[in-house]
Amino acid sequence: MQHQAEPDWADYLLQMERALGVPLDDARRAELRVQFARIAAMAAPLMACPLDERLEVAGVFHP
């Protein structure tokens, strides 16, 4: 199992603020860091699950 470092949520939020043009105050920024950390913790078991290299990727729907 490969361990990935914890993302830098503060840096991510700063980049998203700039990219989306949505300024955040310190309180909102702090709460978003908490929420992102919670989401990452919930996703960790799924992300740690190894995938068989022979698995087919999902198909793409073309109407």
C-alpha atoms as a PDB file:
ATOM      1  CA  MET A   1       0.000   0.000   0.000  1.00  0.00           C
ATOM      2  CA  GLN A   2       1.356   3.399  -0.982  1.00  0.00           C
ATOM      3  CA  HIS A   3       0.992   6.199   1.573  1.00  0.00           C
ATOM      4  CA  GLN A   4       0.171   9.610   0.194  1.00  0.00           C
ATOM      5  CA  ALA A   5       1.008  12.781   2.076  1.00  0.00           C
ATOM      6  CA  GLU A   6      -1.815  14.894   3.463  1.00  0.00           C
ATOM      7  CA  PRO A   7      -2.717  17.576   0.912  1.00  0.00           C
ATOM      8  CA  ASP A   8      -1.965  21.198   1.726  1.00  0.00           C
ATOM      9  CA  TRP A   9      -5.578  22.350   2.010  1.00  0.00           C
ATOM     10  CA  ALA A  10      -4.609  25.956   2.762  1.00  0.00           C
ATOM     11  CA  ASP A  11      -2.664  26.153  -0.505  1.00  0.00           C
ATOM     12  CA  TYR A  12      -5.466  24.410  -2.409  1.00  0.00           C
ATOM     13  CA  LEU A  13      -8.049  26.860  -1.058  1.00  0.00           C
ATOM     14  CA  LEU A  14      -5.877  29.831  -1.959  1.00  0.00           C
ATOM     15  CA  GLN A  15      -5.498  28.539  -5.514  1.00  0.00           C
ATOM     16  CA  MET A  16      -9.251  27.931  -5.828  1.00  0.00           C
ATOM     17  CA  GLU A  17     -10.051  31.388  -4.453  1.00  0.00           C
ATOM     18  CA  ARG A  18      -7.834  32.912  -7.123  1.00  0.00           C
ATOM     19  CA  ALA A  19      -8.994  30.648  -9.947  1.00  0.00           C
ATOM     20  CA  LEU A  20     -12.697  31.076  -9.186  1.00  0.00           C
ATOM     21  CA  GLY A  21     -12.528  34.691  -8.060  1.00  0.00           C
ATOM     22  CA  VAL A  22     -14.308  33.859  -4.806  1.00  0.00           C
ATOM     23  CA  PRO A  23     -12.629  35.514  -1.830  1.00  0.00           C
ATOM     24  CA  LEU A  24     -13.034  33.769   1.521  1.00  0.00           C
ATOM     25  CA  ASP A  25     -12.676  35.187   4.997  1.00  0.00           C
ATOM     26  CA  ASP A  26     -10.499  33.421   7.566  1.00  0.00           C
ATOM     27  CA  ALA A  27     -13.438  31.714   9.299  1.00  0.00           C
ATOM     28  CA  ARG A  28     -14.755  30.192   6.061  1.00  0.00           C
ATOM     29  CA  ARG A  29     -11.273  29.175   4.992  1.00  0.00           C
ATOM     30  CA  ALA A  30     -10.714  27.415   8.342  1.00  0.00           C
ATOM     31  CA  GLU A  31     -14.053  25.589   8.120  1.00  0.00           C
ATOM     32  CA  LEU A  32     -13.334  24.474   4.555  1.00  0.00           C
ATOM     33  CA  ARG A  33      -9.976  23.051   5.681  1.00  0.00           C
ATOM     34  CA  VAL A  34     -11.846  21.049   8.346  1.00  0.00           C
ATOM     35  CA  GLN A  35     -14.385  19.774   5.812  1.00  0.00           C
ATOM     36  CA  PHE A  36     -11.736  18.827   3.234  1.00  0.00           C
ATOM     37  CA  ALA A  37      -9.818  16.916   5.911  1.00  0.00           C
ATOM     38  CA  ARG A  38     -13.019  15.041   6.842  1.00  0.00           C
ATOM     39  CA  ILE A  39     -13.731  14.177   3.216  1.00  0.00           C
ATOM     40  CA  ALA A  40     -10.148  12.960   2.749  1.00  0.00           C
ATOM     41  CA  ALA A  41     -10.454  10.779   5.875  1.00  0.00           C
ATOM     42  CA  MET A  42     -13.675   9.221   4.557  1.00  0.00           C
ATOM     43  CA  ALA A  43     -12.113   8.596   1.144  1.00  0.00           C
ATOM     44  CA  ALA A  44      -8.861   7.129   2.517  1.00  0.00           C
ATOM     45  CA  PRO A  45     -10.063   3.501   2.838  1.00  0.00           C
ATOM     46  CA  LEU A  46     -11.394   3.533  -0.709  1.00  0.00           C
ATOM     47  CA  MET A  47      -8.255   5.132  -2.099  1.00  0.00           C
ATOM     48  CA  ALA A  48      -6.141   2.506  -0.275  1.00  0.00           C
ATOM     49  CA  CYS A  49      -7.955  -0.355  -1.980  1.00  0.00           C
ATOM     50  CA  PRO A  50      -5.653  -1.802  -4.637  1.00  0.00           C
ATOM     51  CA  LEU A  51      -7.083  -2.204  -8.107  1.00  0.00           C
ATOM     52  CA  ASP A  52      -6.341  -5.104 -10.401  1.00  0.00           C
ATOM     53  CA  GLU A  53      -4.241  -3.823 -13.295  1.00  0.00           C
ATOM     54  CA  ARG A  54      -6.362  -5.903 -15.670  1.00  0.00           C
ATOM     55  CA  LEU A  55      -9.618  -4.177 -14.770  1.00  0.00           C
ATOM     56  CA  GLU A  56     -11.364  -2.511 -17.663  1.00  0.00           C
ATOM     57  CA  VAL A  57     -11.976   1.191 -17.272  1.00  0.00           C
ATOM     58  CA  ALA A  58     -15.548   2.366 -17.397  1.00  0.00           C
ATOM     59  CA  GLY A  59     -16.900   2.976 -20.847  1.00  0.00           C
ATOM     60  CA  VAL A  60     -17.781   6.432 -22.079  1.00  0.00           C
ATOM     61  CA  PHE A  61     -21.344   6.988 -23.192  1.00  0.00           C
ATOM     62  CA  HIS A  62     -21.670   8.421 -26.702  1.00  0.00           C
ATOM     63  CA  PRO A  63     -25.294   9.129 -27.682  1.00  0.00           C
END
